[in-house]
Amino acid sequence: MTDEGCSDVTSALKSNPSHLRELDLSGNNLGDSGVKNLSDLLMNPQFKLEKLHLSVCRITEKQSLILTSALKSNPSHLRELDLSRNNLGNSGVKHLCAVLKDSHCKLERLRLSCCCILDEGCSDVTSALKSNPSHLRELDLSRNELGDSGVKNLSDLLMNPQFKLEKLHLYRCRITEKQSLILTSALKSNPSHLRELNLSENKLGNTEVKQLCAVLKDSHCKLERLRSVTFTHKNQNA
């Protein structure tokens, strides 16, 4: 759909908002008018949407601010949010963090893959989740740069017994060997909830692999899917 079509759809939903529980507009160009109409919907207390998929919708930082401000005004119904592959940037993410911190937010699945989020933005997201950890079951930060602070906050989350995450996707997050050691150490301290882990295309050296193996050996570990971890071999003579 073009932006005009998305605007027509979101405008039509404003006339009859009370029944819809899932909306997927992924792969369409929302445009300013589509974002405005959707934001009006999200602020409507009659609109009790539970799943919102907006992957690859060409959402800009400015538009993401409008959407997340709308979510902040009425956060209690949404359970699943997919904003993957939009140019949110660090500034767009900051406003989403205000939603994540809200005690009324009951989000269970958050997908922010490939959103041009650098280390500061990832740190903001993981820090916000520390304020309200008990509901989230799936987190996708793939193809963003976690940085040291993002890894530290995420590790704190993983060690929190209230944080019962089941799926963690960190594909191509430029995680260093030192950072992966921090993450796997955190997983080792609280391994019983995680069912799916994706560390593809990040560097794990021998030490980090040993730490991951300690998690896998733990009888409390219930991991069902481990996605192609990239192991690096250090030259002993280097």
Protein backbone atom coordinates (compact mmCIF):
# COMPACT_ATOMS: atom_id res chain seq x y z
CA MET A 1 0.00 0.00 0.00
CA THR A 2 1.02 3.58 -0.55
CA ASP A 3 0.87 6.14 2.23
CA GLU A 4 -2.58 7.17 0.99
CA GLY A 5 -3.83 3.59 1.29
CA CYS A 6 -2.43 3.23 4.81
CA SER A 7 -4.07 6.51 5.74
CA ASP A 8 -7.41 5.23 4.41
CA VAL A 9 -7.12 1.99 6.42
CA THR A 10 -6.16 3.67 9.69
CA SER A 11 -8.80 6.34 9.19
CA ALA A 12 -11.49 3.67 8.63
CA LEU A 13 -10.47 1.88 11.83
CA LYS A 14 -11.04 5.09 13.78
CA SER A 15 -14.75 4.78 12.93
CA ASN A 16 -15.03 1.30 14.48
CA PRO A 17 -12.15 0.76 16.93
CA SER A 18 -13.42 -1.56 19.61
CA HIS A 19 -13.01 -5.06 18.12
CA LEU A 20 -9.57 -5.17 16.47
CA ARG A 21 -6.90 -7.05 18.44
CA GLU A 22 -4.11 -7.47 15.84
CA LEU A 23 -2.94 -5.08 13.12
CA ASP A 24 -0.14 -5.85 10.65
CA LEU A 25 0.84 -3.08 8.22
CA SER A 26 4.38 -4.35 7.68
CA GLY A 27 6.05 -3.61 4.36
CA ASN A 28 3.85 -0.59 3.64
CA ASN A 29 4.70 3.10 3.67
CA LEU A 30 2.57 4.59 6.44
CA GLY A 31 3.41 8.20 5.69
CA ASP A 32 2.62 11.12 7.97
CA SER A 33 -1.16 10.80 7.66
CA GLY A 34 -1.13 7.04 8.32
CA VAL A 35 1.03 7.56 11.40
CA LYS A 36 -1.26 10.35 12.61
CA ASN A 37 -4.43 8.23 12.21
CA LEU A 38 -2.79 5.21 13.84
CA SER A 39 -1.64 7.36 16.75
CA ASP A 40 -5.17 8.68 17.20
CA LEU A 41 -6.33 5.06 17.35
CA LEU A 42 -3.69 4.06 19.89
CA MET A 43 -4.76 6.91 22.18
CA ASN A 44 -8.42 5.88 22.02
CA PRO A 45 -9.30 3.93 25.22
CA GLN A 46 -11.84 1.94 23.17
CA PHE A 47 -9.02 0.64 20.96
CA LYS A 48 -7.70 -2.45 22.76
CA LEU A 49 -5.10 -3.60 20.27
CA GLU A 50 -2.86 -6.41 21.51
CA LYS A 51 -0.49 -6.97 18.55
CA LEU A 52 0.96 -4.25 16.31
CA HIS A 53 3.34 -5.11 13.46
CA LEU A 54 5.00 -2.21 11.64
CA SER A 55 8.13 -3.82 10.24
CA VAL A 56 9.64 -2.09 7.16
CA CYS A 57 7.14 0.79 7.17
CA ARG A 58 9.71 3.54 6.52
CA ILE A 59 8.93 5.07 9.90
CA THR A 60 11.17 8.04 10.57
CA GLU A 61 12.47 9.26 13.93
CA LYS A 62 9.86 12.05 13.89
CA GLN A 63 7.03 9.61 13.15
CA SER A 64 8.24 7.17 15.80
CA LEU A 65 8.01 9.99 18.33
CA ILE A 66 4.33 10.49 17.41
CA LEU A 67 3.61 6.75 17.68
CA THR A 68 5.42 6.18 20.95
CA SER A 69 3.80 9.27 22.50
CA ALA A 70 0.44 7.74 21.59
CA LEU A 71 1.42 4.39 23.12
CA LYS A 72 2.49 6.14 26.28
CA SER A 73 -0.99 7.57 26.74
CA ASN A 74 -2.67 4.14 26.60
CA PRO A 75 -0.10 1.37 27.19
CA SER A 76 -1.99 -1.33 29.04
CA HIS A 77 -3.47 -3.41 26.18
CA LEU A 78 -0.51 -3.95 23.83
CA ARG A 79 1.27 -7.29 24.20
CA GLU A 80 3.35 -7.41 21.01
CA LEU A 81 5.15 -4.60 19.17
CA ASP A 82 7.28 -5.02 16.04
CA LEU A 83 9.10 -1.93 14.76
CA SER A 84 11.89 -3.82 13.02
CA ARG A 85 13.73 -2.33 10.05
CA ASN A 86 12.61 1.25 10.56
CA ASN A 87 14.99 4.17 11.05
CA LEU A 88 14.09 4.85 14.68
CA GLY A 89 17.56 5.90 15.77
CA ASN A 90 18.50 6.71 19.34
CA SER A 91 16.10 9.65 19.64
CA GLY A 92 13.09 7.61 18.48
CA VAL A 93 13.96 4.87 20.96
CA LYS A 94 14.16 7.28 23.92
CA HIS A 95 10.43 7.92 23.71
CA LEU A 96 9.68 4.21 23.43
CA CYS A 97 11.63 3.76 26.68
CA ALA A 98 9.11 5.95 28.50
CA VAL A 99 6.46 3.39 27.49
CA LEU A 100 8.58 0.42 28.59
CA LYS A 101 9.16 1.97 32.03
CA ASP A 102 5.45 2.54 32.64
CA SER A 103 4.09 0.10 35.21
CA HIS A 104 0.91 -0.20 33.11
CA CYS A 105 2.92 -1.54 30.15
CA LYS A 106 2.43 -5.30 29.81
CA LEU A 107 4.42 -5.82 26.62
CA GLU A 108 5.45 -9.44 26.10
CA ARG A 109 7.21 -9.27 22.72
CA LEU A 110 9.39 -6.40 21.52
CA ARG A 111 11.13 -6.53 18.13
CA LEU A 112 13.54 -3.74 17.25
CA SER A 113 15.77 -5.52 14.76
CA CYS A 114 17.75 -3.29 12.38
CA CYS A 115 16.44 0.03 13.72
CA CYS A 116 19.71 2.01 13.44
CA ILE A 117 20.07 1.98 17.24
CA LEU A 118 23.60 2.59 18.48
CA ASP A 119 25.05 1.78 21.89
CA GLU A 120 23.36 4.69 23.69
CA GLY A 121 19.91 3.69 22.35
CA CYS A 122 20.39 0.02 23.23
CA SER A 123 21.49 1.08 26.69
CA ASP A 124 18.31 3.16 27.05
CA VAL A 125 16.10 0.22 26.00
CA THR A 126 17.73 -2.31 28.29
CA SER A 127 17.80 0.20 31.16
CA ALA A 128 14.08 0.92 30.69
CA LEU A 129 13.28 -2.79 30.80
CA LYS A 130 15.06 -3.04 34.16
CA SER A 131 12.33 -0.77 35.57
CA ASN A 132 9.52 -3.12 34.48
CA PRO A 133 10.99 -6.59 33.89
CA SER A 134 8.28 -9.08 34.69
CA HIS A 135 6.18 -9.29 31.51
CA LEU A 136 8.59 -9.47 28.56
CA ARG A 137 9.00 -12.91 26.98
CA GLU A 138 10.72 -12.06 23.67
CA LEU A 139 13.33 -9.40 22.88
CA ASP A 140 14.91 -8.84 19.46
CA LEU A 141 17.72 -6.28 19.23
CA SER A 142 19.41 -7.87 16.22
CA ARG A 143 21.54 -5.73 13.90
CA ASN A 144 21.88 -2.89 16.40
CA GLU A 145 25.01 -2.02 18.36
CA LEU A 146 24.60 -2.94 22.02
CA GLY A 147 27.81 -1.40 23.31
CA ASP A 148 29.25 -1.96 26.80
CA SER A 149 26.40 -0.23 28.65
CA GLY A 150 23.70 -2.08 26.68
CA VAL A 151 25.38 -5.41 27.42
CA LYS A 152 25.72 -4.48 31.10
CA ASN A 153 22.03 -3.54 31.43
CA LEU A 154 20.91 -6.63 29.51
CA SER A 155 23.07 -8.81 31.74
CA ASP A 156 21.53 -7.23 34.84
CA LEU A 157 18.13 -8.06 33.38
CA LEU A 158 19.07 -11.67 32.63
CA MET A 159 20.24 -12.12 36.23
CA ASN A 160 16.98 -10.74 37.64
CA PRO A 161 14.74 -13.66 38.73
CA GLN A 162 11.68 -11.50 37.86
CA PHE A 163 12.85 -11.35 34.22
CA LYS A 164 11.45 -14.49 32.61
CA LEU A 165 12.58 -13.96 29.03
CA GLU A 166 12.07 -16.95 26.72
CA LYS A 167 13.48 -15.68 23.39
CA LEU A 168 16.54 -13.45 22.98
CA HIS A 169 17.75 -12.43 19.50
CA LEU A 170 21.11 -10.66 19.29
CA TYR A 171 22.09 -11.46 15.70
CA ARG A 172 24.91 -9.28 14.38
CA CYS A 173 25.03 -6.89 17.37
CA ARG A 174 28.81 -6.38 17.21
CA ILE A 175 29.14 -8.14 20.54
CA THR A 176 32.80 -8.46 21.45
CA GLU A 177 34.39 -11.44 23.15
CA LYS A 178 34.55 -9.52 26.43
CA GLN A 179 30.86 -8.56 26.17
CA SER A 180 29.79 -12.12 25.29
CA LEU A 181 31.52 -13.34 28.44
CA ILE A 182 29.44 -10.89 30.51
CA LEU A 183 26.24 -12.08 28.79
CA THR A 184 26.92 -15.80 29.15
CA SER A 185 27.91 -15.29 32.81
CA ALA A 186 24.53 -13.62 33.35
CA LEU A 187 22.73 -16.48 31.62
CA LYS A 188 24.55 -18.94 33.83
CA SER A 189 23.12 -17.29 36.95
CA ASN A 190 19.48 -17.58 35.80
CA PRO A 191 19.17 -20.18 33.01
CA SER A 192 15.77 -21.73 33.55
CA HIS A 193 13.48 -19.50 31.47
CA LEU A 194 15.30 -19.02 28.16
CA ARG A 195 14.10 -21.25 25.32
CA GLU A 196 15.67 -19.57 22.30
CA LEU A 197 19.02 -17.77 21.95
CA ASN A 198 20.42 -16.22 18.77
CA LEU A 199 24.01 -14.98 18.94
CA SER A 200 24.73 -15.39 15.22
CA GLU A 201 27.56 -13.36 13.71
CA ASN A 202 29.03 -12.23 16.99
CA LYS A 203 32.50 -13.20 18.15
CA LEU A 204 32.86 -15.78 20.89
CA GLY A 205 36.39 -16.86 21.73
CA ASN A 206 37.37 -20.07 23.49
CA THR A 207 36.80 -18.61 26.96
CA GLU A 208 33.33 -17.36 26.07
CA VAL A 209 32.42 -20.70 24.48
CA LYS A 210 33.42 -22.48 27.68
CA GLN A 211 31.15 -20.14 29.65
CA LEU A 212 28.27 -20.81 27.24
CA CYS A 213 28.88 -24.53 27.57
CA ALA A 214 28.55 -24.19 31.34
CA VAL A 215 25.07 -22.77 30.74
CA LEU A 216 24.16 -25.60 28.35
CA LYS A 217 25.35 -28.25 30.83
CA ASP A 218 23.27 -26.83 33.68
CA SER A 219 20.31 -29.09 34.45
CA HIS A 220 18.18 -25.96 34.90
CA CYS A 221 18.87 -24.87 31.31
CA LYS A 222 15.81 -25.51 29.12
CA LEU A 223 17.18 -24.01 25.89
CA GLU A 224 15.40 -25.41 22.82
CA ARG A 225 17.00 -23.34 20.03
CA LEU A 226 20.58 -22.07 19.80
CA ARG A 227 21.22 -20.16 16.57
CA SER A 228 24.56 -20.48 14.75
CA VAL A 229 27.00 -18.98 17.15
CA THR A 230 30.18 -17.74 15.43
CA PHE A 231 33.17 -19.11 17.28
CA THR A 232 36.59 -17.50 16.83
CA HIS A 233 39.84 -19.38 17.27
CA LYS A 234 42.69 -17.48 18.86
CA ASN A 235 46.12 -18.27 17.58
CA GLN A 236 48.02 -19.52 20.59
CA ASN A 237 51.30 -18.28 19.07
CA ALA A 238 50.05 -14.79 18.28
